[in-house]
Amino acid sequence: MVIDGRTDADRALLVPRGELVRGCADALAERLARLPAGVARVDLDMSGVHFMDSAGLDFLEVLRDHARRRQVRVTATRWNGQPRRILELAGLDTADPLRPPEPGGGPRPGGGPERGGGPEGVHGAEPASSAVALERQERLRLLQEEVEQLRQAIASRPVIDQARGILMATHGCSSDEAWHILREASQLSNTKLREVAAAVTAGAAAEGTPPPPEVRTALSRALARRAAR
């Protein structure tokens, strides 16, 4: 991740770009430490972050800690895409997860109740109860599972698209039909979709090897069912 930014009078604007993963919280802490002493407000434009895993919660905690220690207002806005989805799963405000709660609004998602006093945007949390701590651990687990699924989907996308193209060219089917054939073959052979796609792609090469027997049989059945429709 790269964190660009500028300082105008007493306001700093930081613009992170790239993937918000492990180690980015440390980079943010270093960047915040270099801000001039007179800065009274720090705004982060998160629109350039296109991927975030559970390390994003550490990133937010660095921002909260900076707000508490420096007694400044901190915002993190313009989340979109997959990072916005992660905030939703964590039960955080997708417009600005650092936004103070509504007056009398009780505990914040994933943390203890807010303390009053201090300038706007300064967050101080009471020690979390064991129930809240358990809830946060469960959210982190769900976040990690979601991120892992997303990583697998991103890694699998090219080979699946190639296999769909091969089926379209060799069997005259549409893109949606090719997708259903691959998925059905995956279910029939009890094989991961990516492995079925990789077998189709490898078999189409000039000196490629044919798919394993169970995958080959499942593909034949899926193609036969399509032809019968």
Protein backbone atom coordinates (compact mmCIF):
# COMPACT_ATOMS: atom_id res chain seq x y z
CA MET A 1 0.00 0.00 0.00
CA VAL A 2 1.08 3.57 -0.78
CA ILE A 3 -0.23 6.43 1.37
CA ASP A 4 -0.19 9.74 -0.47
CA GLY A 5 -1.28 12.95 1.19
CA ARG A 6 -0.98 16.65 1.77
CA THR A 7 -1.36 19.09 4.65
CA ASP A 8 -3.29 22.34 4.35
CA ALA A 9 -3.13 24.59 7.42
CA ASP A 10 -4.35 22.41 10.31
CA ARG A 11 -5.88 19.63 8.17
CA ALA A 12 -4.14 16.59 6.69
CA LEU A 13 -5.60 14.56 3.84
CA LEU A 14 -4.21 11.04 3.42
CA VAL A 15 -5.03 8.88 0.39
CA PRO A 16 -4.10 5.18 0.78
CA ARG A 17 -3.92 3.19 -2.48
CA GLY A 18 -3.68 -0.54 -3.08
CA GLU A 19 -4.39 -3.47 -0.76
CA LEU A 20 -5.02 -3.03 2.94
CA VAL A 21 -3.32 -6.14 4.35
CA ARG A 22 -0.93 -7.11 7.14
CA GLY A 23 1.75 -4.48 7.71
CA CYS A 24 -0.32 -1.55 6.45
CA ALA A 25 -1.27 -0.52 9.98
CA ASP A 26 2.44 -0.04 10.77
CA ALA A 27 2.90 2.01 7.61
CA LEU A 28 -0.06 4.19 8.61
CA ALA A 29 1.32 4.69 12.12
CA GLU A 30 4.63 5.89 10.65
CA ARG A 31 2.82 8.24 8.26
CA LEU A 32 0.71 9.71 11.08
CA ALA A 33 3.79 10.18 13.26
CA ARG A 34 5.32 12.41 10.55
CA LEU A 35 2.37 14.82 10.49
CA PRO A 36 3.09 18.36 11.75
CA ALA A 37 2.26 19.02 15.38
CA GLY A 38 -0.37 21.66 14.48
CA VAL A 39 -2.63 19.28 12.56
CA ALA A 40 -6.07 19.23 14.22
CA ARG A 41 -7.89 17.05 11.71
CA VAL A 42 -6.90 13.99 9.65
CA ASP A 43 -9.14 12.83 6.80
CA LEU A 44 -8.52 9.59 4.90
CA ASP A 45 -9.92 9.07 1.40
CA MET A 46 -10.24 5.28 1.13
CA SER A 47 -11.53 5.17 -2.46
CA GLY A 48 -8.12 3.96 -3.72
CA VAL A 49 -8.17 0.81 -1.55
CA HIS A 50 -9.53 -2.06 -3.64
CA PHE A 51 -8.90 -5.00 -1.27
CA MET A 52 -8.89 -5.37 2.50
CA ASP A 53 -8.57 -8.33 4.85
CA SER A 54 -9.00 -8.50 8.62
CA ALA A 55 -5.84 -6.38 9.01
CA GLY A 56 -8.11 -3.46 8.12
CA LEU A 57 -9.43 -3.56 11.69
CA ASP A 58 -5.88 -2.96 12.97
CA PHE A 59 -5.64 -0.07 10.48
CA LEU A 60 -8.78 1.50 11.98
CA GLU A 61 -7.49 0.95 15.50
CA VAL A 62 -4.33 2.91 14.64
CA LEU A 63 -6.54 5.79 13.52
CA ARG A 64 -8.61 5.66 16.71
CA ASP A 65 -5.46 5.59 18.82
CA HIS A 66 -4.07 8.60 16.95
CA ALA A 67 -7.32 10.50 17.58
CA ARG A 68 -7.18 9.71 21.29
CA ARG A 69 -3.52 10.54 21.79
CA ARG A 70 -3.41 13.71 19.69
CA GLN A 71 -6.94 14.87 20.57
CA VAL A 72 -7.75 15.43 16.89
CA ARG A 73 -10.65 14.58 14.64
CA VAL A 74 -10.06 11.62 12.31
CA THR A 75 -12.32 10.41 9.50
CA ALA A 76 -12.04 7.54 6.99
CA THR A 77 -14.56 7.87 4.17
CA ARG A 78 -15.30 6.87 0.53
CA TRP A 79 -15.07 3.12 1.06
CA ASN A 80 -16.23 1.03 -1.87
CA GLY A 81 -16.18 -2.45 -3.35
CA GLN A 82 -14.78 -5.34 -1.34
CA PRO A 83 -13.45 -3.19 1.57
CA ARG A 84 -16.96 -1.77 2.05
CA ARG A 85 -18.28 -5.35 2.22
CA ILE A 86 -15.74 -6.18 4.94
CA LEU A 87 -16.96 -3.20 6.99
CA GLU A 88 -20.52 -4.46 6.60
CA LEU A 89 -19.54 -7.93 7.82
CA ALA A 90 -17.79 -6.37 10.81
CA GLY A 91 -20.92 -4.38 11.67
CA LEU A 92 -19.16 -1.04 11.14
CA ASP A 93 -20.45 2.18 9.60
CA THR A 94 -19.64 1.90 5.88
CA ALA A 95 -19.73 5.68 5.40
CA ASP A 96 -17.13 6.27 8.12
CA PRO A 97 -16.27 3.49 10.61
CA LEU A 98 -14.67 6.12 12.85
CA ARG A 99 -17.85 8.19 13.13
CA PRO A 100 -18.98 8.77 16.75
CA PRO A 101 -22.24 7.05 17.75
CA GLU A 102 -25.55 8.90 17.84
CA PRO A 103 -26.21 10.72 21.15
CA GLY A 104 -27.23 8.14 23.74
CA GLY A 105 -26.67 5.41 21.18
CA GLY A 106 -24.98 2.88 23.51
CA PRO A 107 -22.07 0.66 22.53
CA ARG A 108 -20.33 0.81 19.17
CA PRO A 109 -20.21 -2.33 16.99
CA GLY A 110 -17.28 -4.52 17.99
CA GLY A 111 -16.28 -2.43 21.00
CA GLY A 112 -17.31 -0.99 24.36
CA PRO A 113 -19.50 2.05 25.04
CA GLU A 114 -18.10 5.47 24.17
CA ARG A 115 -16.94 7.92 26.83
CA GLY A 116 -18.25 11.44 26.69
CA GLY A 117 -16.19 14.57 26.42
CA GLY A 118 -13.31 15.56 24.20
CA PRO A 119 -13.36 17.07 20.70
CA GLU A 120 -15.55 15.66 17.95
CA GLY A 121 -14.15 12.44 16.52
CA VAL A 122 -12.07 11.50 19.57
CA HIS A 123 -13.01 7.94 20.50
CA GLY A 124 -12.42 6.43 23.91
CA ALA A 125 -13.78 2.97 24.64
CA GLU A 126 -14.35 1.38 28.01
CA PRO A 127 -12.84 -2.09 28.45
CA ALA A 128 -14.98 -4.52 26.47
CA SER A 129 -16.97 -7.11 28.34
CA SER A 130 -16.28 -10.79 27.73
CA ALA A 131 -19.47 -11.05 25.63
CA VAL A 132 -18.37 -8.21 23.37
CA ALA A 133 -14.86 -9.67 23.10
CA LEU A 134 -16.30 -13.02 22.03
CA GLU A 135 -18.54 -11.28 19.50
CA ARG A 136 -15.55 -9.46 18.04
CA GLN A 137 -13.56 -12.71 17.78
CA GLU A 138 -16.44 -14.30 15.91
CA ARG A 139 -16.62 -11.33 13.53
CA LEU A 140 -12.89 -11.61 12.90
CA ARG A 141 -13.27 -15.32 12.13
CA LEU A 142 -16.08 -14.61 9.67
CA LEU A 143 -14.03 -11.85 8.09
CA GLN A 144 -11.06 -14.16 7.62
CA GLU A 145 -13.27 -16.83 6.04
CA GLU A 146 -14.84 -14.26 3.71
CA VAL A 147 -11.44 -12.90 2.68
CA GLU A 148 -10.08 -16.39 2.02
CA GLN A 149 -13.09 -17.18 -0.18
CA LEU A 150 -12.56 -13.93 -2.06
CA ARG A 151 -8.87 -14.69 -2.57
CA GLN A 152 -9.69 -18.14 -3.93
CA ALA A 153 -12.33 -16.69 -6.24
CA ILE A 154 -9.90 -14.08 -7.57
CA ALA A 155 -7.18 -16.71 -8.12
CA SER A 156 -9.62 -19.07 -9.84
CA ARG A 157 -11.21 -16.53 -12.17
CA PRO A 158 -8.67 -16.66 -15.07
CA VAL A 159 -8.65 -20.46 -15.45
CA ILE A 160 -12.45 -20.66 -15.15
CA ASP A 161 -12.85 -17.99 -17.83
CA GLN A 162 -10.44 -19.91 -20.09
CA ALA A 163 -12.39 -23.14 -19.60
CA ARG A 164 -15.67 -21.38 -20.39
CA GLY A 165 -14.15 -20.06 -23.61
CA ILE A 166 -12.98 -23.53 -24.59
CA LEU A 167 -16.43 -25.04 -24.00
CA MET A 168 -18.07 -22.21 -25.96
CA ALA A 169 -15.73 -22.77 -28.91
CA THR A 170 -15.89 -26.57 -28.95
CA HIS A 171 -19.56 -27.11 -28.11
CA GLY A 172 -21.21 -23.95 -29.44
CA CYS A 173 -22.70 -22.97 -26.10
CA SER A 174 -23.18 -19.56 -24.53
CA SER A 175 -21.08 -18.17 -21.69
CA ASP A 176 -23.83 -18.91 -19.16
CA GLU A 177 -24.27 -22.45 -20.49
CA ALA A 178 -20.53 -23.06 -20.24
CA TRP A 179 -20.59 -21.87 -16.63
CA HIS A 180 -23.47 -24.25 -15.78
CA ILE A 181 -21.66 -27.16 -17.49
CA LEU A 182 -18.52 -26.53 -15.42
CA ARG A 183 -20.49 -26.19 -12.20
CA GLU A 184 -22.54 -29.33 -12.89
CA ALA A 185 -19.41 -31.32 -13.74
CA SER A 186 -17.89 -30.11 -10.47
CA GLN A 187 -20.90 -31.36 -8.52
CA LEU A 188 -21.16 -34.68 -10.36
CA SER A 189 -17.48 -35.51 -9.91
CA ASN A 190 -17.20 -34.04 -6.40
CA THR A 191 -14.28 -31.95 -7.68
CA LYS A 192 -13.57 -28.28 -7.02
CA LEU A 193 -14.75 -26.01 -9.81
CA ARG A 194 -11.26 -24.60 -10.32
CA GLU A 195 -9.82 -28.11 -10.74
CA VAL A 196 -12.48 -29.00 -13.33
CA ALA A 197 -11.70 -25.78 -15.22
CA ALA A 198 -7.96 -26.46 -15.05
CA ALA A 199 -8.52 -29.97 -16.42
CA VAL A 200 -10.56 -28.61 -19.35
CA THR A 201 -7.91 -25.98 -20.09
CA ALA A 202 -5.02 -28.47 -19.87
CA GLY A 203 -6.82 -30.94 -22.13
CA ALA A 204 -7.29 -28.31 -24.83
CA ALA A 205 -3.56 -27.62 -25.15
CA ALA A 206 -1.64 -28.95 -28.17
CA GLU A 207 -0.04 -31.71 -26.13
CA GLY A 208 -2.42 -31.54 -23.23
CA THR A 209 -3.48 -34.41 -21.02
CA PRO A 210 -7.15 -35.40 -20.92
CA PRO A 211 -9.14 -34.71 -17.74
CA PRO A 212 -9.19 -37.43 -15.06
CA PRO A 213 -11.78 -40.16 -15.73
CA GLU A 214 -14.26 -38.91 -13.12
CA VAL A 215 -14.08 -35.35 -14.45
CA ARG A 216 -14.29 -36.53 -18.06
CA THR A 217 -17.40 -38.61 -17.24
CA ALA A 218 -18.99 -35.72 -15.35
CA LEU A 219 -18.35 -33.33 -18.25
CA SER A 220 -19.90 -35.78 -20.69
CA ARG A 221 -23.00 -36.10 -18.54
CA ALA A 222 -23.29 -32.33 -18.12
CA LEU A 223 -22.94 -31.79 -21.89
CA ALA A 224 -25.49 -34.53 -22.58
CA ARG A 225 -27.98 -32.90 -20.25
CA ARG A 226 -27.48 -29.57 -21.99
CA ALA A 227 -28.08 -31.20 -25.40
CA ALA A 228 -31.27 -32.84 -24.11
CA ARG A 229 -32.79 -29.56 -22.96
